[in-house]
Amino acid sequence: MGNAPVILKCIRQLQEYFTGDRIFFDVAMNPEGTDFQKRVWTELTRIPYGDTISYLELARRLGDEKCIRAAGTANGKNPIPVIIPCHRVIGTSGKLVGYSGELWRKESLLRHEARYAPKKAGRLF
């Protein structure tokens, strides 16, 4: 089983994340997707632990506000949730929208991160 070390590392890092001992993943990833999807997923990994950005901000970071829907679609096709933190993207209004794992899980992940993130001024989401 050539993937066993990567899988074990992934399991360990997810356990550390959920106990509040890890805020950054360094698991080797090569998710399958289009070039655009990969750009979106790479950008998601740049959102700091405990932070959120809007779908509009995600599109801006990709270089084109007009790609907001495509960015949202790519976000929703993320094959490695949590490790690629698609839960950190919220609606422009600040509401929780669009999570393939159901919104209650998105809220739970954001609350988890808020609990363990370095303290910052501002609201959770």
N, C-alpha and C. Protein backbone atom coordinates (compact mmCIF):
# COMPACT_ATOMS: atom_id res chain seq x y z
N MET A 1 0.83 -1.19 0.00
CA MET A 1 0.00 0.00 0.00
C MET A 1 0.88 1.25 0.00
N GLY A 2 1.14 1.78 -1.18
CA GLY A 2 2.02 2.93 -1.31
C GLY A 2 1.46 4.21 -0.71
N ASN A 3 0.15 4.32 -0.57
CA ASN A 3 -0.46 5.53 -0.03
C ASN A 3 -0.57 5.53 1.49
N ALA A 4 -0.25 4.43 2.13
CA ALA A 4 -0.46 4.30 3.57
C ALA A 4 0.19 5.42 4.37
N PRO A 5 1.45 5.81 4.12
CA PRO A 5 2.04 6.89 4.92
C PRO A 5 1.28 8.21 4.77
N VAL A 6 0.83 8.52 3.57
CA VAL A 6 0.08 9.76 3.35
C VAL A 6 -1.27 9.71 4.07
N ILE A 7 -1.92 8.57 3.99
CA ILE A 7 -3.22 8.41 4.65
C ILE A 7 -3.06 8.52 6.16
N LEU A 8 -2.04 7.89 6.70
CA LEU A 8 -1.79 7.96 8.15
C LEU A 8 -1.47 9.39 8.58
N LYS A 9 -0.70 10.10 7.77
CA LYS A 9 -0.38 11.50 8.08
C LYS A 9 -1.65 12.34 8.04
N CYS A 10 -2.49 12.09 7.06
CA CYS A 10 -3.75 12.81 6.93
C CYS A 10 -4.63 12.56 8.16
N ILE A 11 -4.75 11.32 8.57
CA ILE A 11 -5.56 10.99 9.75
C ILE A 11 -5.02 11.69 10.98
N ARG A 12 -3.70 11.62 11.18
CA ARG A 12 -3.09 12.28 12.33
C ARG A 12 -3.34 13.79 12.33
N GLN A 13 -3.16 14.41 11.15
CA GLN A 13 -3.35 15.85 11.08
C GLN A 13 -4.81 16.24 11.28
N LEU A 14 -5.74 15.45 10.78
CA LEU A 14 -7.16 15.75 11.03
C LEU A 14 -7.49 15.59 12.51
N GLN A 15 -6.95 14.57 13.16
CA GLN A 15 -7.16 14.42 14.60
C GLN A 15 -6.61 15.63 15.34
N GLU A 16 -5.44 16.09 14.96
CA GLU A 16 -4.84 17.27 15.60
C GLU A 16 -5.68 18.51 15.34
N TYR A 17 -6.20 18.64 14.14
CA TYR A 17 -7.08 19.77 13.82
C TYR A 17 -8.30 19.77 14.75
N PHE A 18 -8.95 18.63 14.87
CA PHE A 18 -10.18 18.58 15.65
C PHE A 18 -9.96 18.66 17.15
N THR A 19 -8.73 18.46 17.61
CA THR A 19 -8.44 18.67 19.03
C THR A 19 -7.90 20.08 19.28
N GLY A 20 -7.78 20.87 18.22
CA GLY A 20 -7.30 22.24 18.35
C GLY A 20 -5.79 22.37 18.36
N ASP A 21 -5.08 21.30 18.03
CA ASP A 21 -3.62 21.31 18.05
C ASP A 21 -2.99 21.59 16.69
N ARG A 22 -3.80 21.77 15.65
CA ARG A 22 -3.27 22.01 14.31
C ARG A 22 -4.11 23.08 13.63
N ILE A 23 -3.43 24.07 13.06
CA ILE A 23 -4.15 25.10 12.30
C ILE A 23 -3.72 25.12 10.83
N PHE A 24 -2.76 24.30 10.48
CA PHE A 24 -2.25 24.26 9.11
C PHE A 24 -1.98 22.81 8.73
N PHE A 25 -2.41 22.42 7.55
CA PHE A 25 -2.17 21.06 7.05
C PHE A 25 -0.98 21.08 6.09
N ASP A 26 -0.13 20.08 6.20
CA ASP A 26 0.98 19.96 5.25
C ASP A 26 1.01 18.58 4.60
N VAL A 27 -0.16 18.04 4.39
CA VAL A 27 -0.31 16.76 3.70
C VAL A 27 -0.11 17.00 2.20
N ALA A 28 0.66 16.15 1.56
CA ALA A 28 0.85 16.26 0.11
C ALA A 28 -0.48 15.98 -0.58
N MET A 29 -0.93 16.91 -1.40
CA MET A 29 -2.22 16.77 -2.08
C MET A 29 -2.04 16.98 -3.57
N ASN A 30 -2.80 16.26 -4.33
CA ASN A 30 -2.85 16.46 -5.77
C ASN A 30 -4.27 16.12 -6.23
N PRO A 31 -5.25 16.94 -5.81
CA PRO A 31 -6.64 16.62 -6.17
C PRO A 31 -6.85 16.74 -7.67
N GLU A 32 -7.71 15.86 -8.18
CA GLU A 32 -8.05 15.90 -9.59
C GLU A 32 -9.11 16.94 -9.85
N GLY A 33 -8.90 17.75 -10.87
CA GLY A 33 -9.85 18.78 -11.24
C GLY A 33 -9.32 19.56 -12.42
N THR A 34 -10.12 20.50 -12.87
CA THR A 34 -9.69 21.38 -13.96
C THR A 34 -8.63 22.34 -13.44
N ASP A 35 -7.95 22.99 -14.36
CA ASP A 35 -6.95 23.98 -13.95
C ASP A 35 -7.60 25.07 -13.10
N PHE A 36 -8.79 25.51 -13.50
CA PHE A 36 -9.48 26.55 -12.74
C PHE A 36 -9.84 26.05 -11.34
N GLN A 37 -10.37 24.85 -11.24
CA GLN A 37 -10.70 24.30 -9.92
C GLN A 37 -9.46 24.24 -9.04
N LYS A 38 -8.35 23.82 -9.59
CA LYS A 38 -7.11 23.75 -8.82
C LYS A 38 -6.67 25.13 -8.36
N ARG A 39 -6.85 26.14 -9.20
CA ARG A 39 -6.52 27.51 -8.79
C ARG A 39 -7.39 27.93 -7.61
N VAL A 40 -8.68 27.62 -7.68
CA VAL A 40 -9.60 27.96 -6.59
C VAL A 40 -9.17 27.24 -5.32
N TRP A 41 -8.90 25.94 -5.42
CA TRP A 41 -8.55 25.16 -4.24
C TRP A 41 -7.23 25.64 -3.63
N THR A 42 -6.29 26.04 -4.47
CA THR A 42 -5.04 26.61 -3.96
C THR A 42 -5.32 27.90 -3.20
N GLU A 43 -6.19 28.72 -3.76
CA GLU A 43 -6.53 29.98 -3.10
C GLU A 43 -7.21 29.73 -1.76
N LEU A 44 -8.03 28.71 -1.68
CA LEU A 44 -8.70 28.37 -0.41
C LEU A 44 -7.67 28.06 0.67
N THR A 45 -6.58 27.41 0.31
CA THR A 45 -5.56 27.06 1.31
C THR A 45 -4.84 28.30 1.84
N ARG A 46 -5.03 29.42 1.20
CA ARG A 46 -4.39 30.67 1.65
C ARG A 46 -5.25 31.46 2.63
N ILE A 47 -6.48 31.01 2.86
CA ILE A 47 -7.34 31.69 3.83
C ILE A 47 -6.89 31.25 5.22
N PRO A 48 -6.46 32.18 6.04
CA PRO A 48 -5.93 31.78 7.35
C PRO A 48 -6.97 31.09 8.23
N TYR A 49 -6.49 30.19 9.04
CA TYR A 49 -7.29 29.50 10.04
C TYR A 49 -8.06 30.52 10.86
N GLY A 50 -9.35 30.29 11.01
CA GLY A 50 -10.17 31.19 11.81
C GLY A 50 -10.71 32.40 11.06
N ASP A 51 -10.29 32.59 9.83
CA ASP A 51 -10.77 33.71 9.01
C ASP A 51 -11.83 33.22 8.03
N THR A 52 -12.57 34.15 7.50
CA THR A 52 -13.49 33.87 6.40
C THR A 52 -13.33 34.94 5.35
N ILE A 53 -13.66 34.58 4.12
CA ILE A 53 -13.75 35.55 3.04
C ILE A 53 -15.06 35.27 2.32
N SER A 54 -15.49 36.25 1.53
CA SER A 54 -16.72 36.07 0.75
C SER A 54 -16.39 35.42 -0.59
N TYR A 55 -17.43 34.91 -1.23
CA TYR A 55 -17.26 34.37 -2.58
C TYR A 55 -16.76 35.46 -3.52
N LEU A 56 -17.22 36.70 -3.32
CA LEU A 56 -16.77 37.81 -4.14
C LEU A 56 -15.28 38.05 -3.93
N GLU A 57 -14.84 38.01 -2.68
CA GLU A 57 -13.42 38.18 -2.39
C GLU A 57 -12.60 37.04 -3.00
N LEU A 58 -13.13 35.85 -2.97
CA LEU A 58 -12.44 34.72 -3.60
C LEU A 58 -12.27 34.99 -5.10
N ALA A 59 -13.32 35.46 -5.75
CA ALA A 59 -13.24 35.78 -7.18
C ALA A 59 -12.21 36.88 -7.42
N ARG A 60 -12.19 37.88 -6.57
CA ARG A 60 -11.20 38.96 -6.70
C ARG A 60 -9.78 38.42 -6.58
N ARG A 61 -9.58 37.53 -5.61
CA ARG A 61 -8.25 36.95 -5.43
C ARG A 61 -7.83 36.11 -6.62
N LEU A 62 -8.80 35.61 -7.35
CA LEU A 62 -8.52 34.85 -8.57
C LEU A 62 -8.31 35.77 -9.76
N GLY A 63 -8.55 37.07 -9.57
CA GLY A 63 -8.27 38.04 -10.60
C GLY A 63 -9.44 38.52 -11.42
N ASP A 64 -10.67 38.10 -11.08
CA ASP A 64 -11.81 38.51 -11.89
C ASP A 64 -13.11 38.35 -11.10
N GLU A 65 -13.69 39.48 -10.69
CA GLU A 65 -14.95 39.45 -9.94
C GLU A 65 -16.05 38.70 -10.69
N LYS A 66 -15.97 38.70 -12.01
CA LYS A 66 -17.02 38.07 -12.81
C LYS A 66 -17.00 36.53 -12.71
N CYS A 67 -15.94 35.97 -12.16
CA CYS A 67 -15.87 34.51 -12.05
C CYS A 67 -16.45 34.03 -10.72
N ILE A 68 -17.24 34.87 -10.06
CA ILE A 68 -17.77 34.52 -8.74
C ILE A 68 -18.57 33.22 -8.75
N ARG A 69 -19.41 33.03 -9.74
CA ARG A 69 -20.21 31.79 -9.79
C ARG A 69 -19.33 30.58 -10.06
N ALA A 70 -18.40 30.73 -10.99
CA ALA A 70 -17.49 29.63 -11.30
C ALA A 70 -16.62 29.29 -10.09
N ALA A 71 -16.19 30.32 -9.36
CA ALA A 71 -15.39 30.10 -8.15
C ALA A 71 -16.23 29.37 -7.10
N GLY A 72 -17.49 29.75 -6.96
CA GLY A 72 -18.39 29.08 -6.02
C GLY A 72 -18.62 27.63 -6.40
N THR A 73 -18.78 27.38 -7.69
CA THR A 73 -18.97 26.01 -8.16
C THR A 73 -17.72 25.17 -7.90
N ALA A 74 -16.55 25.73 -8.19
CA ALA A 74 -15.30 25.01 -7.93
C ALA A 74 -15.12 24.76 -6.43
N ASN A 75 -15.48 25.74 -5.63
CA ASN A 75 -15.41 25.60 -4.18
C ASN A 75 -16.26 24.41 -3.74
N GLY A 76 -17.45 24.29 -4.30
CA GLY A 76 -18.35 23.21 -3.96
C GLY A 76 -17.89 21.84 -4.44
N LYS A 77 -16.97 21.81 -5.39
CA LYS A 77 -16.46 20.53 -5.90
C LYS A 77 -15.14 20.14 -5.23
N ASN A 78 -14.77 20.85 -4.20
CA ASN A 78 -13.56 20.56 -3.45
C ASN A 78 -13.59 19.11 -2.96
N PRO A 79 -12.62 18.28 -3.40
CA PRO A 79 -12.64 16.87 -3.01
C PRO A 79 -12.03 16.59 -1.64
N ILE A 80 -11.43 17.60 -1.02
CA ILE A 80 -10.74 17.38 0.26
C ILE A 80 -11.17 18.45 1.27
N PRO A 81 -12.46 18.49 1.65
CA PRO A 81 -12.91 19.50 2.61
C PRO A 81 -12.13 19.40 3.92
N VAL A 82 -12.11 20.48 4.64
CA VAL A 82 -11.38 20.70 5.88
C VAL A 82 -9.92 20.94 5.55
N ILE A 83 -9.24 19.99 4.91
CA ILE A 83 -7.83 20.19 4.57
C ILE A 83 -7.70 21.30 3.54
N ILE A 84 -8.55 21.30 2.53
CA ILE A 84 -8.70 22.46 1.65
C ILE A 84 -9.95 23.17 2.20
N PRO A 85 -9.75 24.27 2.93
CA PRO A 85 -10.81 24.83 3.77
C PRO A 85 -11.90 25.62 3.05
N CYS A 86 -12.72 24.92 2.28
CA CYS A 86 -13.81 25.57 1.57
C CYS A 86 -14.86 26.13 2.52
N HIS A 87 -14.88 25.66 3.76
CA HIS A 87 -15.84 26.16 4.75
C HIS A 87 -15.56 27.60 5.15
N ARG A 88 -14.42 28.14 4.80
CA ARG A 88 -14.04 29.51 5.18
C ARG A 88 -14.58 30.55 4.20
N VAL A 89 -15.34 30.12 3.21
CA VAL A 89 -15.92 31.05 2.24
C VAL A 89 -17.41 31.20 2.56
N ILE A 90 -17.82 32.45 2.73
CA ILE A 90 -19.20 32.76 3.11
C ILE A 90 -19.80 33.76 2.13
N GLY A 91 -21.08 34.03 2.29
CA GLY A 91 -21.74 34.99 1.43
C GLY A 91 -21.25 36.41 1.68
N THR A 92 -21.40 37.26 0.68
CA THR A 92 -20.98 38.65 0.80
C THR A 92 -21.68 39.35 1.94
N SER A 93 -22.90 38.93 2.24
CA SER A 93 -23.67 39.53 3.34
C SER A 93 -23.19 39.05 4.70
N GLY A 94 -22.28 38.08 4.73
CA GLY A 94 -21.80 37.52 5.99
C GLY A 94 -22.56 36.27 6.41
N LYS A 95 -23.54 35.87 5.60
CA LYS A 95 -24.31 34.68 5.93
C LYS A 95 -23.59 33.42 5.45
N LEU A 96 -23.91 32.34 6.13
CA LEU A 96 -23.37 31.04 5.71
C LEU A 96 -24.20 30.53 4.55
N VAL A 97 -23.54 30.29 3.45
CA VAL A 97 -24.20 29.77 2.25
C VAL A 97 -23.28 28.75 1.61
N GLY A 98 -23.87 27.86 0.84
CA GLY A 98 -23.13 26.99 -0.05
C GLY A 98 -22.08 26.10 0.56
N TYR A 99 -22.49 25.03 1.20
CA TYR A 99 -21.52 24.06 1.69
C TYR A 99 -22.04 22.67 1.38
N SER A 100 -21.24 21.89 0.66
CA SER A 100 -21.70 20.56 0.23
C SER A 100 -21.92 19.61 1.40
N GLY A 101 -21.29 19.89 2.53
CA GLY A 101 -21.45 19.04 3.71
C GLY A 101 -22.54 19.51 4.64
N GLU A 102 -23.42 20.35 4.16
CA GLU A 102 -24.55 20.95 4.89
C GLU A 102 -24.06 22.11 5.77
N LEU A 103 -24.90 23.13 5.86
CA LEU A 103 -24.51 24.36 6.54
C LEU A 103 -24.21 24.17 8.02
N TRP A 104 -24.86 23.24 8.69
CA TRP A 104 -24.59 23.05 10.11
C TRP A 104 -23.15 22.59 10.33
N ARG A 105 -22.59 21.84 9.36
CA ARG A 105 -21.20 21.42 9.48
C ARG A 105 -20.26 22.60 9.22
N LYS A 106 -20.61 23.42 8.26
CA LYS A 106 -19.81 24.61 7.97
C LYS A 106 -19.75 25.49 9.21
N GLU A 107 -20.91 25.72 9.81
CA GLU A 107 -20.96 26.53 11.03
C GLU A 107 -20.13 25.89 12.14
N SER A 108 -20.23 24.59 12.28
CA SER A 108 -19.47 23.88 13.31
C SER A 108 -17.96 24.03 13.09
N LEU A 109 -17.52 23.90 11.85
CA LEU A 109 -16.09 24.07 11.55
C LEU A 109 -15.63 25.49 11.84
N LEU A 110 -16.44 26.48 11.48
CA LEU A 110 -16.06 27.87 11.73
C LEU A 110 -16.04 28.17 13.23
N ARG A 111 -16.98 27.64 13.97
CA ARG A 111 -16.98 27.82 15.43
C ARG A 111 -15.78 27.13 16.07
N HIS A 112 -15.46 25.94 15.57
CA HIS A 112 -14.28 25.22 16.06
C HIS A 112 -13.03 26.07 15.86
N GLU A 113 -12.87 26.61 14.66
CA GLU A 113 -11.69 27.42 14.38
C GLU A 113 -11.67 28.70 15.20
N ALA A 114 -12.83 29.30 15.39
CA ALA A 114 -12.89 30.52 16.20
C ALA A 114 -12.47 30.23 17.64
N ARG A 115 -12.79 29.04 18.11
CA ARG A 115 -12.44 28.66 19.48
C ARG A 115 -10.93 28.55 19.66
N TYR A 116 -10.23 28.03 18.65
CA TYR A 116 -8.81 27.77 18.78
C TYR A 116 -7.91 28.78 18.06
N ALA A 117 -8.50 29.65 17.26
CA ALA A 117 -7.70 30.62 16.49
C ALA A 117 -7.13 31.67 17.44
N PRO A 118 -6.00 32.23 17.06
CA PRO A 118 -5.49 33.37 17.83
C PRO A 118 -6.59 34.43 17.90
N LYS A 119 -6.77 35.03 19.05
CA LYS A 119 -7.85 36.00 19.24
C LYS A 119 -7.68 37.21 18.34
N LYS A 120 -8.77 37.59 17.71
CA LYS A 120 -8.79 38.76 16.84
C LYS A 120 -10.07 39.54 17.12
N ALA A 121 -10.01 40.80 16.80
CA ALA A 121 -11.23 41.61 16.91
C ALA A 121 -12.15 41.22 15.76
N GLY A 122 -13.40 41.46 15.92
CA GLY A 122 -14.36 41.20 14.84
C GLY A 122 -15.26 40.04 15.17
N ARG A 123 -16.20 39.82 14.28
CA ARG A 123 -17.18 38.76 14.51
C ARG A 123 -16.75 37.46 13.89
N LEU A 124 -17.40 36.41 14.29
CA LEU A 124 -17.07 35.07 13.80
C LEU A 124 -17.34 34.96 12.31
N PHE A 125 -18.55 35.28 11.87
CA PHE A 125 -18.92 35.27 10.46
C PHE A 125 -20.18 36.04 10.31
